[in-house]
Each structure stands twice: as C-alpha cells, then as structure tokens.
N, C-alpha and C. Protein backbone atom coordinates (compact mmCIF):
# COMPACT_ATOMS: atom_id res chain seq x y z
N MET A 1 114.74 55.63 75.91
CA MET A 1 116.11 55.61 75.80
C MET A 1 116.34 54.56 77.28
N SER A 2 117.47 53.72 77.03
CA SER A 2 118.24 53.34 78.63
C SER A 2 119.36 52.93 78.60
N SER A 3 120.20 53.62 79.88
CA SER A 3 121.17 54.02 79.47
C SER A 3 122.00 52.85 80.11
N SER A 4 121.58 51.34 80.35
CA SER A 4 122.43 50.39 80.84
C SER A 4 122.85 50.34 79.62
N LYS A 5 124.36 49.54 79.93
CA LYS A 5 125.33 49.52 79.33
C LYS A 5 124.91 47.93 78.08
N GLN A 6 124.30 47.07 79.17
CA GLN A 6 123.46 46.06 77.98
C GLN A 6 122.98 45.94 77.24
N ARG A 7 121.89 47.31 77.44
CA ARG A 7 120.73 47.66 76.78
C ARG A 7 121.33 47.97 75.71
N GLN A 8 121.67 49.27 75.32
CA GLN A 8 122.87 49.76 74.81
C GLN A 8 123.49 48.90 73.24
N LYS A 9 123.86 47.54 73.96
CA LYS A 9 124.55 46.85 73.15
C LYS A 9 123.92 46.27 72.34
N ASP A 10 122.27 45.96 73.03
CA ASP A 10 121.36 44.79 72.41
C ASP A 10 120.86 46.15 71.11
N TYR A 11 120.73 47.65 71.66
CA TYR A 11 120.29 48.41 70.23
C TYR A 11 121.38 48.66 69.42
N LYS A 12 122.58 48.15 69.87
CA LYS A 12 123.58 48.41 68.66
C LYS A 12 123.05 47.28 67.74
N ASN A 13 123.42 45.97 68.66
CA ASN A 13 122.89 45.02 67.93
C ASN A 13 121.83 45.27 66.67
N TYR A 14 120.82 45.42 67.60
CA TYR A 14 119.23 45.56 66.58
C TYR A 14 120.13 46.56 65.20
N ASN A 15 120.88 47.84 65.27
CA ASN A 15 120.45 48.65 64.71
C ASN A 15 121.83 48.00 63.53
N LEU A 16 122.98 47.17 63.62
CA LEU A 16 123.40 45.95 62.70
C LEU A 16 122.40 45.31 62.19
N GLN A 17 121.33 45.15 62.53
CA GLN A 17 120.44 43.91 61.43
C GLN A 17 120.34 45.28 60.36
N THR A 18 119.64 46.39 60.86
CA THR A 18 119.22 47.09 59.44
C THR A 18 120.70 47.83 58.73
N LEU A 19 121.35 48.35 59.23
CA LEU A 19 122.31 48.90 58.68
C LEU A 19 123.29 47.69 59.13
N PRO A 20 124.12 47.22 58.07
CA PRO A 20 124.67 45.95 58.33
C PRO A 20 126.70 45.90 57.92
N CYS A 21 126.69 47.26 57.29
CA CYS A 21 128.09 47.69 57.15
C CYS A 21 128.30 49.16 57.31
N PRO A 22 128.68 49.24 59.04
CA PRO A 22 128.34 50.58 59.45
C PRO A 22 129.89 51.06 59.50
N THR A 23 130.35 52.50 59.46
CA THR A 23 131.97 53.00 60.03
C THR A 23 132.31 52.05 60.94
N ILE A 24 133.41 52.63 60.56
CA ILE A 24 134.38 51.58 62.18
C ILE A 24 133.83 52.67 63.10
N GLU A 25 133.51 54.03 63.29
CA GLU A 25 133.37 54.94 64.34
C GLU A 25 132.55 53.63 65.32
N PHE A 26 131.56 53.19 64.84
CA PHE A 26 130.47 52.43 65.27
C PHE A 26 131.01 51.75 66.07
N PHE A 27 131.76 50.69 65.73
CA PHE A 27 132.51 50.31 66.62
C PHE A 27 133.71 50.71 68.02
N THR A 28 134.39 51.70 67.65
CA THR A 28 135.41 52.29 68.22
C THR A 28 135.04 53.29 69.31
N GLU A 29 134.11 53.95 68.87
CA GLU A 29 133.44 55.10 70.15
C GLU A 29 131.78 54.66 70.28
N PRO A 30 131.98 55.34 71.38
CA PRO A 30 131.04 55.17 72.75
C PRO A 30 129.63 55.91 71.70
N ILE A 31 128.58 54.82 71.34
CA ILE A 31 127.00 55.32 70.67
C ILE A 31 126.52 55.41 71.87
N LEU A 32 125.71 56.19 71.77
CA LEU A 32 124.28 56.11 72.81
C LEU A 32 123.00 56.06 71.66
N VAL A 33 122.43 55.02 71.91
CA VAL A 33 120.98 54.96 70.49
C VAL A 33 120.26 55.57 71.47
N LEU A 34 119.57 56.45 71.01
CA LEU A 34 118.38 57.37 71.20
C LEU A 34 116.63 56.24 71.22
N ALA A 35 116.81 55.89 69.86
CA ALA A 35 115.77 55.20 69.69
C ALA A 35 115.87 53.87 68.78
N THR A 36 115.07 52.35 69.02
CA THR A 36 115.38 51.40 68.36
C THR A 36 114.39 51.38 67.10
N GLU A 37 113.71 52.25 66.80
CA GLU A 37 112.84 52.39 65.77
C GLU A 37 113.00 53.10 64.97
N ALA A 38 113.37 53.32 63.34
CA ALA A 38 113.04 54.70 63.10
C ALA A 38 111.78 55.52 63.04
N ASP A 39 111.04 55.10 63.35
CA ASP A 39 109.21 55.24 63.08
C ASP A 39 109.56 56.09 64.19
N ASN A 40 109.75 56.01 65.61
CA ASN A 40 109.76 56.63 66.76
C ASN A 40 110.71 57.87 66.40
N TYR A 41 112.16 58.01 65.89
CA TYR A 41 112.49 58.75 65.68
C TYR A 41 111.91 59.93 65.00
N MET A 42 111.28 59.53 63.69
CA MET A 42 110.77 60.07 62.28
C MET A 42 109.60 61.17 62.79
N THR A 43 108.48 60.25 63.84
CA THR A 43 107.24 60.46 64.18
C THR A 43 107.70 61.59 65.34
N THR A 44 108.63 61.56 65.78
CA THR A 44 109.07 62.62 66.83
C THR A 44 109.66 63.73 66.23
N SER A 45 110.72 63.75 65.21
CA SER A 45 111.17 65.00 64.26
C SER A 45 109.87 65.55 63.77
N CYS A 46 108.98 64.66 62.81
CA CYS A 46 108.60 65.54 61.98
C CYS A 46 107.20 66.54 63.15
N ILE A 47 106.97 65.56 64.10
CA ILE A 47 105.94 66.61 65.19
C ILE A 47 106.76 68.29 65.35
N LEU A 48 107.75 67.87 65.50
CA LEU A 48 109.00 68.96 66.30
C LEU A 48 108.89 69.91 65.11
N ILE A 49 109.26 69.53 64.08
CA ILE A 49 109.11 70.25 62.80
C ILE A 49 107.38 71.14 62.36
N TYR A 50 106.85 70.24 62.40
CA TYR A 50 105.77 71.11 62.17
C TYR A 50 105.25 71.64 63.51
N LEU A 51 105.37 71.62 64.10
CA LEU A 51 105.27 72.76 65.46
C LEU A 51 105.91 73.87 65.24
N CYS A 52 107.40 73.56 65.14
CA CYS A 52 107.56 74.89 64.86
C CYS A 52 106.93 75.48 63.89
N LEU A 53 107.03 75.10 62.93
CA LEU A 53 106.67 75.47 61.28
C LEU A 53 105.25 76.41 61.64
N THR A 54 104.61 75.88 62.33
CA THR A 54 103.51 76.28 62.83
C THR A 54 103.23 77.45 63.77
N LEU A 55 104.20 77.33 64.59
CA LEU A 55 104.40 78.62 65.48
C LEU A 55 105.22 79.67 64.66
N GLN A 56 105.91 79.62 63.35
CA GLN A 56 106.25 80.42 63.11
C GLN A 56 105.17 80.95 61.99
N ILE A 57 104.21 80.27 61.19
CA ILE A 57 103.33 80.84 60.76
C ILE A 57 102.36 81.96 61.12
N ILE A 58 102.12 81.31 62.71
CA ILE A 58 101.08 82.09 63.32
C ILE A 58 101.83 83.10 63.97
N PHE A 59 102.53 83.14 64.20
CA PHE A 59 103.55 84.37 64.59
C PHE A 59 103.70 85.78 64.04
N PHE A 60 103.98 85.12 62.41
CA PHE A 60 104.40 86.39 61.57
C PHE A 60 103.39 86.82 61.11
N THR A 61 102.34 85.71 60.65
CA THR A 61 100.77 85.93 60.50
C THR A 61 99.99 87.12 61.50
N SER A 62 100.61 87.07 62.97
CA SER A 62 99.66 87.81 63.30
C SER A 62 100.41 89.26 63.65
N CYS A 63 101.83 89.54 63.58
CA CYS A 63 102.20 90.42 63.17
C CYS A 63 102.15 91.26 62.06
N CYS A 64 101.33 90.64 60.63
CA CYS A 64 101.28 91.09 59.65
C CYS A 64 99.77 91.83 60.29
N ILE A 65 99.22 91.04 60.52
CA ILE A 65 97.56 91.64 60.90
C ILE A 65 97.59 92.13 61.95
N TYR A 66 98.49 92.65 62.79
CA TYR A 66 98.72 93.64 63.60
C TYR A 66 98.98 94.77 63.25
N TYR A 67 99.66 94.95 62.39
CA TYR A 67 100.52 96.02 61.81
C TYR A 67 99.58 96.55 61.13
N LEU A 68 98.93 95.32 60.02
CA LEU A 68 97.87 96.38 59.17
C LEU A 68 96.61 96.50 59.49
N PHE A 69 96.45 95.96 60.05
CA PHE A 69 94.64 96.25 60.66
C PHE A 69 94.16 96.49 61.96
N ILE A 70 95.00 96.99 62.93
CA ILE A 70 94.52 96.72 64.26
C ILE A 70 95.53 98.10 64.63
N SER A 71 96.47 98.37 64.56
CA SER A 71 97.36 99.47 64.86
C SER A 71 97.62 100.41 63.89
N LYS A 72 96.25 100.91 63.50
CA LYS A 72 96.13 101.84 61.81
C LYS A 72 96.54 103.43 62.63
N THR A 73 96.20 103.63 63.77
CA THR A 73 97.02 104.87 64.51
C THR A 73 98.41 104.95 64.56
N ILE A 74 99.19 103.83 64.96
CA ILE A 74 100.26 104.33 65.10
C ILE A 74 101.45 103.92 64.20
N SER A 75 101.54 103.66 63.21
CA SER A 75 101.84 103.29 61.82
C SER A 75 102.06 104.96 61.00
N ARG A 76 102.84 105.21 60.39
CA ARG A 76 102.99 106.67 59.77
C ARG A 76 102.89 106.44 58.22
N VAL A 77 101.97 105.45 57.60
CA VAL A 77 102.14 105.39 56.50
C VAL A 77 100.87 106.19 56.00
N SER A 78 100.99 106.38 54.56
CA SER A 78 99.82 106.87 54.08
C SER A 78 98.97 105.97 53.82
N GLN A 79 97.73 106.44 53.68
CA GLN A 79 96.53 105.35 53.56
C GLN A 79 96.99 104.61 51.96
N SER A 80 97.29 105.30 51.06
CA SER A 80 97.58 104.65 49.84
C SER A 80 98.49 103.55 50.04
N THR A 81 99.55 103.91 51.01
CA THR A 81 100.95 102.75 50.88
C THR A 81 100.05 101.61 52.06
N ARG A 82 98.81 102.27 52.64
CA ARG A 82 98.58 101.00 53.82
C ARG A 82 97.78 100.11 52.98
N ARG A 83 96.93 100.39 51.69
CA ARG A 83 96.22 99.92 51.02
C ARG A 83 97.20 98.79 50.32
N LEU A 84 97.76 99.61 50.09
CA LEU A 84 99.09 98.66 48.78
C LEU A 84 99.19 97.41 49.69
N GLN A 85 99.58 97.94 50.96
CA GLN A 85 100.68 96.78 51.97
C GLN A 85 99.46 95.63 51.89
N ILE A 86 98.36 95.95 52.54
CA ILE A 86 97.07 95.07 52.91
C ILE A 86 96.74 94.27 51.42
N ARG A 87 96.45 94.94 50.42
CA ARG A 87 96.69 94.05 48.75
C ARG A 87 97.76 93.34 49.04
N SER A 88 98.91 93.38 49.18
CA SER A 88 99.94 92.41 49.06
C SER A 88 100.08 91.58 49.95
N PHE A 89 99.56 91.72 50.97
CA PHE A 89 99.12 90.72 52.65
C PHE A 89 98.34 89.73 52.09
N TYR A 90 97.02 90.48 51.39
CA TYR A 90 96.02 88.94 50.90
C TYR A 90 96.84 88.44 49.95
N LEU A 91 97.48 89.04 48.59
CA LEU A 91 97.84 88.35 47.49
C LEU A 91 99.04 87.13 47.56
N LEU A 92 99.88 87.93 48.79
CA LEU A 92 100.80 87.01 49.38
C LEU A 92 100.30 85.61 50.02
N VAL A 93 98.69 85.88 50.86
CA VAL A 93 98.35 84.59 51.21
C VAL A 93 97.87 83.66 50.23
N LEU A 94 97.25 84.58 49.10
CA LEU A 94 96.69 83.62 48.04
C LEU A 94 97.57 82.76 47.22
N GLN A 95 99.01 83.35 47.02
CA GLN A 95 100.05 83.01 46.21
C GLN A 95 100.48 81.34 47.21
N THR A 96 100.67 82.04 48.67
CA THR A 96 101.25 80.79 49.15
C THR A 96 100.90 79.69 49.54
N PHE A 97 98.96 79.61 49.91
CA PHE A 97 98.15 78.72 50.12
C PHE A 97 97.16 78.01 49.43
N LEU A 98 97.20 78.62 48.12
CA LEU A 98 96.75 78.11 47.00
C LEU A 98 97.47 76.83 46.26
N PRO A 99 98.96 76.85 46.29
CA PRO A 99 100.05 75.35 46.26
C PRO A 99 99.47 74.77 47.14
N ILE A 100 99.56 74.85 48.45
CA ILE A 100 99.79 73.95 49.59
C ILE A 100 98.17 72.99 49.65
N LEU A 101 97.27 74.00 49.08
CA LEU A 101 95.86 73.39 49.21
C LEU A 101 95.57 72.37 48.17
N LEU A 102 96.20 72.59 47.17
CA LEU A 102 96.09 71.71 45.86
C LEU A 102 96.72 70.46 46.13
N VAL A 103 97.84 70.40 47.10
CA VAL A 103 98.79 69.29 47.02
C VAL A 103 98.21 68.72 48.96
N THR A 104 97.37 69.43 49.70
CA THR A 104 97.30 68.77 50.77
C THR A 104 96.05 67.53 51.07
N VAL A 105 94.96 67.34 49.64
CA VAL A 105 94.57 66.31 50.45
C VAL A 105 95.63 65.03 49.35
N PRO A 106 95.67 65.10 48.62
CA PRO A 106 96.60 63.91 48.04
C PRO A 106 97.42 63.46 48.93
N MET A 107 98.48 64.39 50.00
CA MET A 107 99.34 64.01 50.58
C MET A 107 98.81 63.07 51.76
N MET A 108 97.26 63.46 52.40
CA MET A 108 96.72 63.11 53.03
C MET A 108 96.52 61.87 52.92
N ILE A 109 95.88 61.88 51.65
CA ILE A 109 95.33 59.81 50.71
C ILE A 109 96.78 59.28 51.10
N PHE A 110 98.03 59.95 51.04
CA PHE A 110 99.36 58.92 50.40
C PHE A 110 99.67 58.59 51.52
N LEU A 111 99.73 59.61 52.89
CA LEU A 111 100.44 59.29 54.12
C LEU A 111 99.06 58.59 54.86
N ASN A 112 98.34 58.17 54.40
CA ASN A 112 97.57 57.38 55.42
C ASN A 112 97.28 55.81 54.59
N LYS A 113 98.18 54.89 54.90
CA LYS A 113 98.49 53.69 55.15
C LYS A 113 97.75 53.02 54.99
N SER A 114 97.46 51.18 53.98
CA SER A 114 96.58 50.65 54.46
C SER A 114 97.21 49.77 55.30
N LYS A 115 95.81 49.10 56.01
CA LYS A 115 96.33 48.07 57.09
C LYS A 115 97.52 47.27 57.05
N ASP A 116 97.46 46.41 55.74
CA ASP A 116 98.12 45.81 55.35
C ASP A 116 100.00 45.98 55.42
N GLY A 117 99.80 47.58 55.17
CA GLY A 117 101.07 48.06 54.81
C GLY A 117 101.47 47.51 53.43
N GLU A 118 100.95 47.68 52.77
CA GLU A 118 101.43 46.71 50.89
C GLU A 118 101.56 48.60 50.21
N TYR A 119 102.01 48.11 49.20
CA TYR A 119 102.33 49.51 48.38
C TYR A 119 101.06 49.48 47.51
N ASP A 120 100.83 50.16 47.20
CA ASP A 120 99.28 51.10 46.73
C ASP A 120 99.84 51.78 45.52
N GLN A 121 99.98 51.53 44.24
CA GLN A 121 99.79 51.77 43.20
C GLN A 121 99.42 53.12 43.00
N VAL A 122 98.02 53.19 43.43
CA VAL A 122 96.54 53.97 43.12
C VAL A 122 97.23 55.23 43.99
N LYS A 123 97.67 55.13 44.79
CA LYS A 123 97.90 56.34 45.67
C LYS A 123 99.59 57.18 45.41
N ASN A 124 100.03 56.15 45.36
CA ASN A 124 101.44 56.38 44.15
C ASN A 124 101.42 57.61 43.37
N ASN A 125 100.28 57.15 42.31
CA ASN A 125 99.93 57.98 41.08
C ASN A 125 99.82 59.13 41.49
N VAL A 126 98.47 59.01 42.61
CA VAL A 126 97.65 60.21 42.88
C VAL A 126 99.05 61.26 43.54
N MET A 127 99.38 60.78 44.11
CA MET A 127 100.58 61.73 44.54
C MET A 127 101.65 62.51 43.60
N PHE A 128 101.88 61.71 42.64
CA PHE A 128 102.33 62.02 41.28
C PHE A 128 102.25 63.32 40.65
N ILE A 129 100.96 63.00 40.54
CA ILE A 129 100.36 63.65 40.16
C ILE A 129 99.57 65.21 40.89
N ALA A 130 99.85 64.96 41.77
CA ALA A 130 99.45 66.36 42.55
C ALA A 130 100.79 67.36 42.60
N ILE A 131 102.04 66.19 43.17
CA ILE A 131 103.50 67.29 42.97
C ILE A 131 103.13 67.85 41.79
N SER A 132 103.19 67.00 40.35
CA SER A 132 103.20 67.70 38.96
C SER A 132 102.34 68.85 39.24
N VAL A 133 101.83 68.84 39.52
CA VAL A 133 100.16 70.27 39.65
C VAL A 133 100.31 71.44 40.56
N GLN A 134 100.90 70.78 41.54
CA GLN A 134 101.23 71.59 42.52
C GLN A 134 102.64 72.61 41.80
N ASN A 135 103.20 72.15 41.14
CA ASN A 135 104.61 73.04 40.47
C ASN A 135 103.53 73.95 39.62
N GLY A 136 102.76 73.50 39.00
CA GLY A 136 102.13 74.21 37.93
C GLY A 136 101.60 75.24 38.96
N SER A 137 100.98 74.97 39.55
CA SER A 137 100.37 75.74 40.45
C SER A 137 100.99 77.02 41.24
N ILE A 138 101.88 76.44 41.22
CA ILE A 138 102.72 77.76 41.91
C ILE A 138 103.45 78.68 40.93
N SER A 139 103.67 78.02 39.57
CA SER A 139 103.90 79.33 38.74
C SER A 139 102.61 79.89 38.20
N LEU A 140 101.68 79.39 38.36
CA LEU A 140 99.94 80.25 37.84
C LEU A 140 99.52 81.01 38.73
N SER A 141 100.43 80.87 39.95
CA SER A 141 99.65 81.75 41.37
C SER A 141 100.82 82.83 40.93
N ILE A 142 102.11 82.88 41.11
CA ILE A 142 102.85 83.73 40.73
C ILE A 142 102.51 84.80 39.56
N LEU A 143 102.06 84.07 38.58
CA LEU A 143 101.52 84.94 37.22
C LEU A 143 100.30 85.61 37.41
N LEU A 144 99.38 84.54 38.00
CA LEU A 144 98.06 85.83 38.23
C LEU A 144 98.02 86.91 39.40
N VAL A 145 98.98 86.70 40.27
CA VAL A 145 99.33 87.51 41.70
C VAL A 145 99.43 89.04 41.35
N HIS A 146 100.67 88.52 40.33
CA HIS A 146 101.32 89.99 40.01
C HIS A 146 100.99 90.98 38.88
N LYS A 147 100.34 92.19 38.64
CA LYS A 147 99.45 92.51 37.46
C LYS A 147 100.62 92.52 36.40
N PRO A 148 101.75 92.99 36.62
CA PRO A 148 102.53 93.13 34.76
C PRO A 148 102.14 91.45 34.54
N TYR A 149 102.74 90.15 35.19
CA TYR A 149 101.98 89.00 34.95
C TYR A 149 101.03 89.23 34.23
N ARG A 150 100.21 89.23 34.97
CA ARG A 150 98.55 88.94 34.24
C ARG A 150 98.32 89.82 33.49
N SER A 151 98.61 90.78 33.15
CA SER A 151 98.29 91.66 31.98
C SER A 151 98.89 91.10 30.54
N PHE A 152 100.31 90.72 31.31
CA PHE A 152 101.05 89.71 29.67
C PHE A 152 100.19 88.59 29.44
N LEU A 153 99.62 87.65 30.47
CA LEU A 153 99.05 86.71 30.29
C LEU A 153 97.88 86.87 29.39
N LYS A 154 97.03 87.85 29.83
CA LYS A 154 96.15 88.29 29.30
C LYS A 154 96.15 88.77 27.72
N SER A 155 97.45 89.57 27.20
CA SER A 155 97.19 89.87 26.27
C SER A 155 97.55 88.54 25.26
N GLY A 156 98.35 87.43 25.92
CA GLY A 156 98.46 86.44 25.16
C GLY A 156 97.62 85.61 24.92
N ILE A 157 97.07 85.28 25.56
CA ILE A 157 95.70 83.76 25.61
C ILE A 157 94.65 85.32 24.60
N CYS A 158 94.17 86.34 24.98
CA CYS A 158 93.29 87.07 24.30
C CYS A 158 93.84 87.52 22.79
N GLY A 159 95.24 87.48 22.75
CA GLY A 159 95.75 88.40 21.86
C GLY A 159 95.26 89.34 21.09
N LYS A 160 95.24 90.38 22.19
CA LYS A 160 94.83 91.56 22.36
C LYS A 160 96.56 92.22 22.86
N LYS A 161 96.91 93.34 21.81
CA LYS A 161 98.12 93.53 22.36
C LYS A 161 97.92 95.14 23.13
N GLU A 162 98.05 95.10 23.96
CA GLU A 162 97.64 96.23 25.22
C GLU A 162 99.20 96.85 25.28
N GLY A 163 99.65 96.78 24.30
CA GLY A 163 101.15 98.31 24.99
C GLY A 163 102.39 96.92 25.52
N ASN A 164 103.38 97.63 25.82
CA ASN A 164 105.24 97.15 26.30
C ASN A 164 104.44 97.12 27.87
N VAL A 165 104.42 95.83 28.33
CA VAL A 165 104.29 95.50 29.79
C VAL A 165 105.57 96.56 30.55
N ALA A 166 106.88 96.18 29.49
CA ALA A 166 107.87 97.06 30.49
C ALA A 166 107.90 98.90 30.35
N SER A 167 107.31 99.00 29.47
CA SER A 167 106.73 100.51 29.65
C SER A 167 105.78 101.14 30.48
N GLU A 168 104.97 100.06 30.57
CA GLU A 168 103.76 100.37 31.89
C GLU A 168 104.45 100.21 33.10
N ILE A 169 105.43 99.28 33.31
CA ILE A 169 106.04 99.56 34.82
C ILE A 169 106.93 100.29 35.01
N SER A 170 107.52 100.63 33.78
CA SER A 170 108.43 102.44 33.86
C SER A 170 107.71 103.64 34.04
N THR A 171 106.55 103.58 33.43
CA THR A 171 105.60 105.10 33.67
C THR A 171 105.22 104.70 35.27
N ARG A 172 104.82 103.38 36.08
CA ARG A 172 104.22 103.86 36.92
C ARG A 172 105.44 103.87 38.10
N MET A 173 106.56 103.80 37.88
CA MET A 173 108.09 104.34 39.04
C MET A 173 107.89 105.38 39.19
C-alpha cells in the first residue's frame, strides 16, 4: 500500500482495466486502493478467515473437553447426564467431521492449480462429485448419529416393524 497520490492514480487506472464501468463514486470520491491484485487480497482474507475459524474451533473444543473430561469434580451433574453429554460430544464430532473429511481431499485437488493455469475438466468433475457426495454425507451422518432416525432407517431397510418411533420417543421422556 502506498500513500502517494501518483501511485493511487496508477492503482485506479489498473483497476479500471479490470472493471471498465465503475460507479460514479469511483471518480468523485477519494479512494484508497489497498491492493493492486485481487489475489493478494483474497489470499490474505482467506488466511484470516481460516485462522479465526481455527481458533474458534480450538477454543470451543478445548472448553468441551475440559468440562466433560478434566473437571469431573467441579460440575454438579449426575453420572448418567455426564455419560449422555460425552456421548453427544462424540456424536457431534462424528457428525461434523465426516462430511468435512469427505470433501477435503477433492477440494485440495481442485485448489492445486496446474502450472500453466489452464482449466482442468477432470478436477472440476471431481469437485462437483465431491460436493454432491458431501450433501448426501451430511444427511447420512445426521440420520446415523441420532437414535430415532437410526432405528427408523433400520426398520425401513431390514423390513422389520420395530414399533412406532414417535411412541418410543414419548415413552423415554
């Protein structure tokens, strides 16, 4: 970023090549151009967003681990409630990371650009299939993690009538 007026005019002209029809404010208002290339801005933004999300995940996961496993004597909940909380934590981790893992590898393949910068149809197809599989895996992980959904799926696939799922839920409450 440069603050000289001539450099700012050069940056404005560079941006006019990319965006030939800007709004009137582009010419009438003072504009400070921070980056001449969009790649720099996008890279910095993606790194910051990734860093913030990673820090949030680490913080909340460490809080859950601390309160569920480390501070057993501090909390005043029964053992059965603690077991349910721990089981819910494991299932939440499974439900969250299963779809993420299924899309991470194809995403890395797609983001790894070729040296010449040409469009690659194979990478595009792999990414499209991965996104489609991820949507199905999200639904499947929800169905497999929660017991009422899981028992309904078992009864539908195996053909057994295990009873009404709604009545099982109401009797447990």
